[in-house]
PDB file of all heavy atoms in Angstrom:
ATOM      1  N   PHE A   1     -27.509   9.698  12.007  1.00  0.00           N
ATOM      2  CA  PHE A   1     -27.676  10.919  12.788  1.00  0.00           C
ATOM      3  C   PHE A   1     -28.265  12.017  11.901  1.00  0.00           C
ATOM      4  O   PHE A   1     -28.021  12.075  10.700  1.00  0.00           O
ATOM      5  CB  PHE A   1     -26.329  11.386  13.349  1.00  0.00           C
ATOM      6  CG  PHE A   1     -25.738  10.466  14.384  1.00  0.00           C
ATOM      7  CD1 PHE A   1     -24.807   9.500  14.018  1.00  0.00           C
ATOM      8  CD2 PHE A   1     -26.118  10.557  15.713  1.00  0.00           C
ATOM      9  CE1 PHE A   1     -24.260   8.650  14.972  1.00  0.00           C
ATOM     10  CE2 PHE A   1     -25.586   9.707  16.670  1.00  0.00           C
ATOM     11  CZ  PHE A   1     -24.652   8.751  16.294  1.00  0.00           C
ATOM     12  N   GLY A   2     -29.014  12.895  12.530  1.00  0.00           N
ATOM     13  CA  GLY A   2     -29.543  14.047  11.800  1.00  0.00           C
ATOM     14  C   GLY A   2     -30.869  13.762  11.137  1.00  0.00           C
ATOM     15  O   GLY A   2     -31.377  12.634  11.131  1.00  0.00           O
ATOM     16  N   SER A   3     -31.443  14.823  10.571  1.00  0.00           N
ATOM     17  CA  SER A   3     -32.732  14.722   9.913  1.00  0.00           C
ATOM     18  C   SER A   3     -32.535  14.347   8.443  1.00  0.00           C
ATOM     19  O   SER A   3     -31.579  13.636   8.106  1.00  0.00           O
ATOM     20  CB  SER A   3     -33.489  16.053  10.061  1.00  0.00           C
ATOM     21  OG  SER A   3     -34.802  15.947   9.541  1.00  0.00           O
ATOM     22  N   ALA A   4     -33.417  14.810   7.574  1.00  0.00           N
ATOM     23  CA  ALA A   4     -33.341  14.439   6.171  1.00  0.00           C
ATOM     24  C   ALA A   4     -33.929  15.543   5.299  1.00  0.00           C
ATOM     25  O   ALA A   4     -34.672  16.401   5.774  1.00  0.00           O
ATOM     26  CB  ALA A   4     -34.100  13.128   5.922  1.00  0.00           C
ATOM     27  N   LYS A   5     -33.576  15.495   4.053  1.00  0.00           N
ATOM     28  CA  LYS A   5     -34.183  16.357   3.041  1.00  0.00           C
ATOM     29  C   LYS A   5     -35.378  15.637   2.445  1.00  0.00           C
ATOM     30  O   LYS A   5     -35.281  14.473   2.070  1.00  0.00           O
ATOM     31  CB  LYS A   5     -33.158  16.696   1.947  1.00  0.00           C
ATOM     32  CG  LYS A   5     -33.718  17.508   0.795  1.00  0.00           C
ATOM     33  CD  LYS A   5     -32.615  17.952  -0.164  1.00  0.00           C
ATOM     34  CE  LYS A   5     -31.990  16.799  -0.900  1.00  0.00           C
ATOM     35  NZ  LYS A   5     -31.029  17.260  -1.938  1.00  0.00           N
ATOM     36  N   PHE A   6     -36.506  16.318   2.359  1.00  0.00           N
ATOM     37  CA  PHE A   6     -37.749  15.738   1.826  1.00  0.00           C
ATOM     38  C   PHE A   6     -37.988  16.365   0.451  1.00  0.00           C
ATOM     39  O   PHE A   6     -38.051  17.582   0.316  1.00  0.00           O
ATOM     40  CB  PHE A   6     -38.892  16.084   2.788  1.00  0.00           C
ATOM     41  CG  PHE A   6     -40.170  15.306   2.610  1.00  0.00           C
ATOM     42  CD1 PHE A   6     -41.078  15.218   3.662  1.00  0.00           C
ATOM     43  CD2 PHE A   6     -40.508  14.679   1.416  1.00  0.00           C
ATOM     44  CE1 PHE A   6     -42.268  14.514   3.537  1.00  0.00           C
ATOM     45  CE2 PHE A   6     -41.686  13.966   1.274  1.00  0.00           C
ATOM     46  CZ  PHE A   6     -42.575  13.893   2.338  1.00  0.00           C
ATOM     47  N   GLU A   7     -38.116  15.502  -0.555  1.00  0.00           N
ATOM     48  CA  GLU A   7     -38.345  15.974  -1.929  1.00  0.00           C
ATOM     49  C   GLU A   7     -39.579  15.288  -2.512  1.00  0.00           C
ATOM     50  O   GLU A   7     -39.858  14.128  -2.217  1.00  0.00           O
ATOM     51  CB  GLU A   7     -37.149  15.667  -2.815  1.00  0.00           C
ATOM     52  CG  GLU A   7     -35.858  16.341  -2.394  1.00  0.00           C
ATOM     53  CD  GLU A   7     -34.672  15.816  -3.186  1.00  0.00           C
ATOM     54  OE1 GLU A   7     -34.209  14.701  -2.877  1.00  0.00           O
ATOM     55  OE2 GLU A   7     -34.215  16.528  -4.102  1.00  0.00           O
ATOM     56  N   VAL A   8     -40.281  16.022  -3.367  1.00  0.00           N
ATOM     57  CA  VAL A   8     -41.446  15.485  -4.076  1.00  0.00           C
ATOM     58  C   VAL A   8     -41.421  16.033  -5.504  1.00  0.00           C
ATOM     59  O   VAL A   8     -41.052  17.192  -5.722  1.00  0.00           O
ATOM     60  CB  VAL A   8     -42.770  15.884  -3.388  1.00  0.00           C
ATOM     61  CG1 VAL A   8     -43.971  15.407  -4.205  1.00  0.00           C
ATOM     62  CG2 VAL A   8     -42.846  15.318  -1.978  1.00  0.00           C
ATOM     63  N   GLY A   9     -41.845  15.204  -6.453  1.00  0.00           N
ATOM     64  CA  GLY A   9     -41.916  15.685  -7.826  1.00  0.00           C
ATOM     65  C   GLY A   9     -42.642  14.710  -8.720  1.00  0.00           C
ATOM     66  O   GLY A   9     -42.955  13.583  -8.312  1.00  0.00           O
ATOM     67  N   PRO A  10     -42.912  15.127  -9.949  1.00  0.00           N
ATOM     68  CA  PRO A  10     -43.623  14.246 -10.887  1.00  0.00           C
ATOM     69  C   PRO A  10     -42.832  13.014 -11.285  1.00  0.00           C
ATOM     70  O   PRO A  10     -43.410  11.992 -11.662  1.00  0.00           O
ATOM     71  CB  PRO A  10     -43.888  15.136 -12.109  1.00  0.00           C
ATOM     72  CG  PRO A  10     -43.296  16.455 -11.834  1.00  0.00           C
ATOM     73  CD  PRO A  10     -42.687  16.472 -10.485  1.00  0.00           C
ATOM     74  N   ASP A  11     -41.483  13.100 -11.229  1.00  0.00           N
ATOM     75  CA  ASP A  11     -40.634  11.959 -11.561  1.00  0.00           C
ATOM     76  C   ASP A  11     -39.295  12.133 -10.861  1.00  0.00           C
ATOM     77  O   ASP A  11     -39.019  13.163 -10.236  1.00  0.00           O
ATOM     78  CB  ASP A  11     -40.464  11.804 -13.081  1.00  0.00           C
ATOM     79  CG  ASP A  11     -39.959  13.074 -13.738  1.00  0.00           C
ATOM     80  OD1 ASP A  11     -38.850  13.524 -13.386  1.00  0.00           O
ATOM     81  OD2 ASP A  11     -40.673  13.629 -14.606  1.00  0.00           O
ATOM     82  N   ILE A  12     -38.441  11.134 -10.996  1.00  0.00           N
ATOM     83  CA  ILE A  12     -37.154  11.133 -10.312  1.00  0.00           C
ATOM     84  C   ILE A  12     -36.307  12.344 -10.696  1.00  0.00           C
ATOM     85  O   ILE A  12     -35.547  12.883  -9.887  1.00  0.00           O
ATOM     86  CB  ILE A  12     -36.381   9.832 -10.640  1.00  0.00           C
ATOM     87  CG1 ILE A  12     -37.041   8.638  -9.949  1.00  0.00           C
ATOM     88  CG2 ILE A  12     -34.929   9.927 -10.223  1.00  0.00           C
ATOM     89  CD1 ILE A  12     -36.873   8.614  -8.457  1.00  0.00           C
ATOM     90  N   ASN A  13     -36.423  12.785 -11.941  1.00  0.00           N
ATOM     91  CA  ASN A  13     -35.575  13.862 -12.444  1.00  0.00           C
ATOM     92  C   ASN A  13     -36.151  15.252 -12.199  1.00  0.00           C
ATOM     93  O   ASN A  13     -35.548  16.248 -12.624  1.00  0.00           O
ATOM     94  CB  ASN A  13     -35.326  13.672 -13.941  1.00  0.00           C
ATOM     95  CG  ASN A  13     -34.600  12.378 -14.252  1.00  0.00           C
ATOM     96  OD1 ASN A  13     -33.628  12.034 -13.581  1.00  0.00           O
ATOM     97  ND2 ASN A  13     -35.071  11.645 -15.245  1.00  0.00           N
ATOM     98  N   SER A  14     -37.306  15.352 -11.540  1.00  0.00           N
ATOM     99  CA  SER A  14     -37.959  16.650 -11.349  1.00  0.00           C
ATOM    100  C   SER A  14     -38.370  16.853  -9.894  1.00  0.00           C
ATOM    101  O   SER A  14     -39.432  17.416  -9.620  1.00  0.00           O
ATOM    102  CB  SER A  14     -39.200  16.748 -12.257  1.00  0.00           C
ATOM    103  OG  SER A  14     -38.865  16.503 -13.599  1.00  0.00           O
ATOM    104  N   LEU A  15     -37.537  16.415  -8.969  1.00  0.00           N
ATOM    105  CA  LEU A  15     -37.880  16.514  -7.557  1.00  0.00           C
ATOM    106  C   LEU A  15     -37.656  17.933  -7.036  1.00  0.00           C
ATOM    107  O   LEU A  15     -36.701  18.610  -7.414  1.00  0.00           O
ATOM    108  CB  LEU A  15     -37.048  15.532  -6.733  1.00  0.00           C
ATOM    109  CG  LEU A  15     -37.289  14.045  -7.045  1.00  0.00           C
ATOM    110  CD1 LEU A  15     -36.326  13.187  -6.230  1.00  0.00           C
ATOM    111  CD2 LEU A  15     -38.726  13.663  -6.754  1.00  0.00           C
ATOM    112  N   ILE A  16     -38.546  18.387  -6.165  1.00  0.00           N
ATOM    113  CA  ILE A  16     -38.474  19.704  -5.544  1.00  0.00           C
ATOM    114  C   ILE A  16     -38.175  19.526  -4.056  1.00  0.00           C
ATOM    115  O   ILE A  16     -38.858  18.768  -3.361  1.00  0.00           O
ATOM    116  CB  ILE A  16     -39.798  20.466  -5.729  1.00  0.00           C
ATOM    117  CG1 ILE A  16     -40.056  20.750  -7.212  1.00  0.00           C
ATOM    118  CG2 ILE A  16     -39.799  21.770  -4.943  1.00  0.00           C
ATOM    119  CD1 ILE A  16     -41.426  21.326  -7.482  1.00  0.00           C
ATOM    120  N   ASP A  17     -37.177  20.231  -3.578  1.00  0.00           N
ATOM    121  CA  ASP A  17     -36.820  20.206  -2.156  1.00  0.00           C
ATOM    122  C   ASP A  17     -37.874  20.994  -1.377  1.00  0.00           C
ATOM    123  O   ASP A  17     -38.105  22.173  -1.645  1.00  0.00           O
ATOM    124  CB  ASP A  17     -35.435  20.841  -1.984  1.00  0.00           C
ATOM    125  CG  ASP A  17     -34.897  20.748  -0.566  1.00  0.00           C
ATOM    126  OD1 ASP A  17     -35.678  20.440   0.354  1.00  0.00           O
ATOM    127  OD2 ASP A  17     -33.696  21.005  -0.382  1.00  0.00           O
ATOM    128  N   LEU A  18     -38.532  20.355  -0.401  1.00  0.00           N
ATOM    129  CA  LEU A  18     -39.583  21.025   0.364  1.00  0.00           C
ATOM    130  C   LEU A  18     -39.023  22.010   1.383  1.00  0.00           C
ATOM    131  O   LEU A  18     -39.775  22.837   1.914  1.00  0.00           O
ATOM    132  CB  LEU A  18     -40.465  19.999   1.079  1.00  0.00           C
ATOM    133  CG  LEU A  18     -41.121  18.925   0.212  1.00  0.00           C
ATOM    134  CD1 LEU A  18     -42.169  18.169   1.035  1.00  0.00           C
ATOM    135  CD2 LEU A  18     -41.739  19.499  -1.042  1.00  0.00           C
ATOM    136  N   GLY A  19     -37.732  21.942   1.678  1.00  0.00           N
ATOM    137  CA  GLY A  19     -37.125  22.926   2.568  1.00  0.00           C
ATOM    138  C   GLY A  19     -37.216  22.538   4.035  1.00  0.00           C
ATOM    139  O   GLY A  19     -37.213  21.358   4.400  1.00  0.00           O
ATOM    140  N   ALA A  20     -37.337  23.561   4.893  1.00  0.00           N
ATOM    141  CA  ALA A  20     -37.275  23.356   6.347  1.00  0.00           C
ATOM    142  C   ALA A  20     -38.482  22.576   6.846  1.00  0.00           C
ATOM    143  O   ALA A  20     -39.634  22.926   6.551  1.00  0.00           O
ATOM    144  CB  ALA A  20     -37.197  24.698   7.063  1.00  0.00           C
ATOM    145  N   MET A  21     -38.214  21.516   7.635  1.00  0.00           N
ATOM    146  CA  MET A  21     -39.271  20.658   8.158  1.00  0.00           C
ATOM    147  C   MET A  21     -38.878  20.119   9.530  1.00  0.00           C
ATOM    148  O   MET A  21     -37.700  20.100   9.894  1.00  0.00           O
ATOM    149  CB  MET A  21     -39.548  19.484   7.213  1.00  0.00           C
ATOM    150  CG  MET A  21     -39.991  19.885   5.823  1.00  0.00           C
ATOM    151  SD  MET A  21     -40.453  18.472   4.782  1.00  0.00           S
ATOM    152  CE  MET A  21     -42.000  17.962   5.550  1.00  0.00           C
ATOM    153  N   ASN A  22     -39.857  19.661  10.264  1.00  0.00           N
ATOM    154  CA  ASN A  22     -39.664  18.925  11.512  1.00  0.00           C
ATOM    155  C   ASN A  22     -40.236  17.523  11.369  1.00  0.00           C
ATOM    156  O   ASN A  22     -41.139  17.283  10.559  1.00  0.00           O
ATOM    157  CB  ASN A  22     -40.380  19.616  12.681  1.00  0.00           C
ATOM    158  CG  ASN A  22     -39.605  20.790  13.241  1.00  0.00           C
ATOM    159  OD1 ASN A  22     -38.412  20.944  12.985  1.00  0.00           O
ATOM    160  ND2 ASN A  22     -40.275  21.636  14.008  1.00  0.00           N
ATOM    161  N   SER A  23     -39.720  16.606  12.182  1.00  0.00           N
ATOM    162  CA  SER A  23     -40.334  15.285  12.407  1.00  0.00           C
ATOM    163  C   SER A  23     -40.537  14.494  11.120  1.00  0.00           C
ATOM    164  O   SER A  23     -41.620  13.959  10.857  1.00  0.00           O
ATOM    165  CB  SER A  23     -41.678  15.455  13.134  1.00  0.00           C
ATOM    166  OG  SER A  23     -41.525  16.188  14.317  1.00  0.00           O
ATOM    167  N   ILE A  24     -39.486  14.380  10.295  1.00  0.00           N
ATOM    168  CA  ILE A  24     -39.580  13.597   9.054  1.00  0.00           C
ATOM    169  C   ILE A  24     -39.492  12.107   9.392  1.00  0.00           C
ATOM    170  O   ILE A  24     -38.595  11.669  10.111  1.00  0.00           O
ATOM    171  CB  ILE A  24     -38.477  14.005   8.069  1.00  0.00           C
ATOM    172  CG1 ILE A  24     -38.683  15.461   7.643  1.00  0.00           C
ATOM    173  CG2 ILE A  24     -38.457  13.087   6.854  1.00  0.00           C
ATOM    174  CD1 ILE A  24     -37.572  16.015   6.781  1.00  0.00           C
ATOM    175  N   VAL A  25     -40.446  11.332   8.865  1.00  0.00           N
ATOM    176  CA  VAL A  25     -40.569   9.913   9.211  1.00  0.00           C
ATOM    177  C   VAL A  25     -40.877   9.105   7.951  1.00  0.00           C
ATOM    178  O   VAL A  25     -41.695   9.529   7.116  1.00  0.00           O
ATOM    179  CB  VAL A  25     -41.702   9.689  10.238  1.00  0.00           C
ATOM    180  CG1 VAL A  25     -41.888   8.201  10.516  1.00  0.00           C
ATOM    181  CG2 VAL A  25     -41.425  10.444  11.532  1.00  0.00           C
ATOM    182  N   PHE A  26     -40.233   7.938   7.819  1.00  0.00           N
ATOM    183  CA  PHE A  26     -40.614   6.935   6.820  1.00  0.00           C
ATOM    184  C   PHE A  26     -41.276   5.772   7.539  1.00  0.00           C
ATOM    185  O   PHE A  26     -40.813   5.331   8.588  1.00  0.00           O
ATOM    186  CB  PHE A  26     -39.390   6.427   6.057  1.00  0.00           C
ATOM    187  CG  PHE A  26     -39.667   5.203   5.233  1.00  0.00           C
ATOM    188  CD1 PHE A  26     -40.338   5.287   4.029  1.00  0.00           C
ATOM    189  CD2 PHE A  26     -39.277   3.939   5.682  1.00  0.00           C
ATOM    190  CE1 PHE A  26     -40.612   4.142   3.271  1.00  0.00           C
ATOM    191  CE2 PHE A  26     -39.536   2.797   4.939  1.00  0.00           C
ATOM    192  CZ  PHE A  26     -40.197   2.906   3.726  1.00  0.00           C
ATOM    193  N   GLU A  27     -42.355   5.244   6.939  1.00  0.00           N
ATOM    194  CA  GLU A  27     -43.076   4.131   7.560  1.00  0.00           C
ATOM    195  C   GLU A  27     -43.543   3.159   6.483  1.00  0.00           C
ATOM    196  O   GLU A  27     -44.067   3.573   5.444  1.00  0.00           O
ATOM    197  CB  GLU A  27     -44.286   4.660   8.333  1.00  0.00           C
ATOM    198  CG  GLU A  27     -45.099   3.581   9.013  1.00  0.00           C
ATOM    199  CD  GLU A  27     -46.332   4.129   9.699  1.00  0.00           C
ATOM    200  OE1 GLU A  27     -46.920   5.113   9.186  1.00  0.00           O
ATOM    201  OE2 GLU A  27     -46.727   3.584  10.742  1.00  0.00           O
ATOM    202  N   GLU A  28     -43.371   1.885   6.763  1.00  0.00           N
ATOM    203  CA  GLU A  28     -43.875   0.816   5.896  1.00  0.00           C
ATOM    204  C   GLU A  28     -44.869  -0.020   6.690  1.00  0.00           C
ATOM    205  O   GLU A  28     -44.622  -0.342   7.855  1.00  0.00           O
ATOM    206  CB  GLU A  28     -42.723  -0.068   5.421  1.00  0.00           C
ATOM    207  CG  GLU A  28     -43.161  -1.258   4.583  1.00  0.00           C
ATOM    208  CD  GLU A  28     -42.046  -2.266   4.368  1.00  0.00           C
ATOM    209  OE1 GLU A  28     -41.072  -2.260   5.159  1.00  0.00           O
ATOM    210  OE2 GLU A  28     -42.158  -3.068   3.421  1.00  0.00           O
ATOM    211  N   THR A  29     -46.005  -0.381   6.070  1.00  0.00           N
ATOM    212  CA  THR A  29     -46.995  -1.224   6.747  1.00  0.00           C
ATOM    213  C   THR A  29     -47.569  -2.234   5.755  1.00  0.00           C
ATOM    214  O   THR A  29     -47.488  -2.064   4.539  1.00  0.00           O
ATOM    215  CB  THR A  29     -48.154  -0.387   7.332  1.00  0.00           C
ATOM    216  OG1 THR A  29     -48.853   0.264   6.265  1.00  0.00           O
ATOM    217  CG2 THR A  29     -47.648   0.655   8.323  1.00  0.00           C
ATOM    218  N   TRP A  30     -48.157  -3.306   6.323  1.00  0.00           N
ATOM    219  CA  TRP A  30     -48.921  -4.266   5.529  1.00  0.00           C
ATOM    220  C   TRP A  30     -49.889  -5.001   6.435  1.00  0.00           C
ATOM    221  O   TRP A  30     -49.788  -4.928   7.664  1.00  0.00           O
ATOM    222  CB  TRP A  30     -48.005  -5.259   4.808  1.00  0.00           C
ATOM    223  CG  TRP A  30     -47.150  -6.113   5.696  1.00  0.00           C
ATOM    224  CD1 TRP A  30     -47.539  -7.134   6.511  1.00  0.00           C
ATOM    225  CD2 TRP A  30     -45.732  -6.015   5.848  1.00  0.00           C
ATOM    226  NE1 TRP A  30     -46.478  -7.689   7.156  1.00  0.00           N
ATOM    227  CE2 TRP A  30     -45.342  -7.027   6.771  1.00  0.00           C
ATOM    228  CE3 TRP A  30     -44.755  -5.197   5.289  1.00  0.00           C
ATOM    229  CZ2 TRP A  30     -44.014  -7.210   7.134  1.00  0.00           C
ATOM    230  CZ3 TRP A  30     -43.439  -5.382   5.661  1.00  0.00           C
ATOM    231  CH2 TRP A  30     -43.087  -6.382   6.580  1.00  0.00           C
TER     232      TRP A  30
END
Protein backbone atom coordinates (compact mmCIF):
# COMPACT_ATOMS: atom_id res chain seq x y z
CA PHE A 1 0.00 0.00 0.00
CA GLY A 2 1.07 3.58 -0.57
CA SER A 3 3.58 5.24 -2.83
CA ALA A 4 7.36 5.26 -2.52
CA LYS A 5 10.39 7.43 -1.94
CA PHE A 6 12.47 7.97 -5.10
CA GLU A 7 16.21 8.48 -4.62
CA VAL A 8 19.07 9.02 -7.07
CA GLY A 9 22.78 9.45 -6.49
CA PRO A 10 26.29 8.69 -7.70
CA ASP A 11 26.47 5.62 -5.43
CA ILE A 12 24.53 3.73 -2.78
CA ASN A 13 25.94 5.91 0.01
CA SER A 14 25.15 9.26 -1.66
CA LEU A 15 21.48 9.00 -2.60
CA ILE A 16 19.35 12.16 -2.74
CA ASP A 17 15.63 12.04 -1.93
CA LEU A 18 13.76 13.60 -4.89
CA GLY A 19 10.86 14.60 -2.63
CA ALA A 20 7.20 14.95 -3.61
CA MET A 21 6.20 12.94 -6.70
CA ASN A 22 3.23 11.32 -8.42
CA SER A 23 2.90 8.04 -10.32
CA ILE A 24 6.13 6.29 -9.25
CA VAL A 25 6.60 3.08 -11.27
CA PHE A 26 9.22 0.33 -11.56
CA GLU A 27 9.38 -1.61 -14.83
CA GLU A 28 11.52 -4.47 -16.10
CA THR A 29 11.64 -5.48 -19.79
CA TRP A 30 13.58 -7.76 -22.13
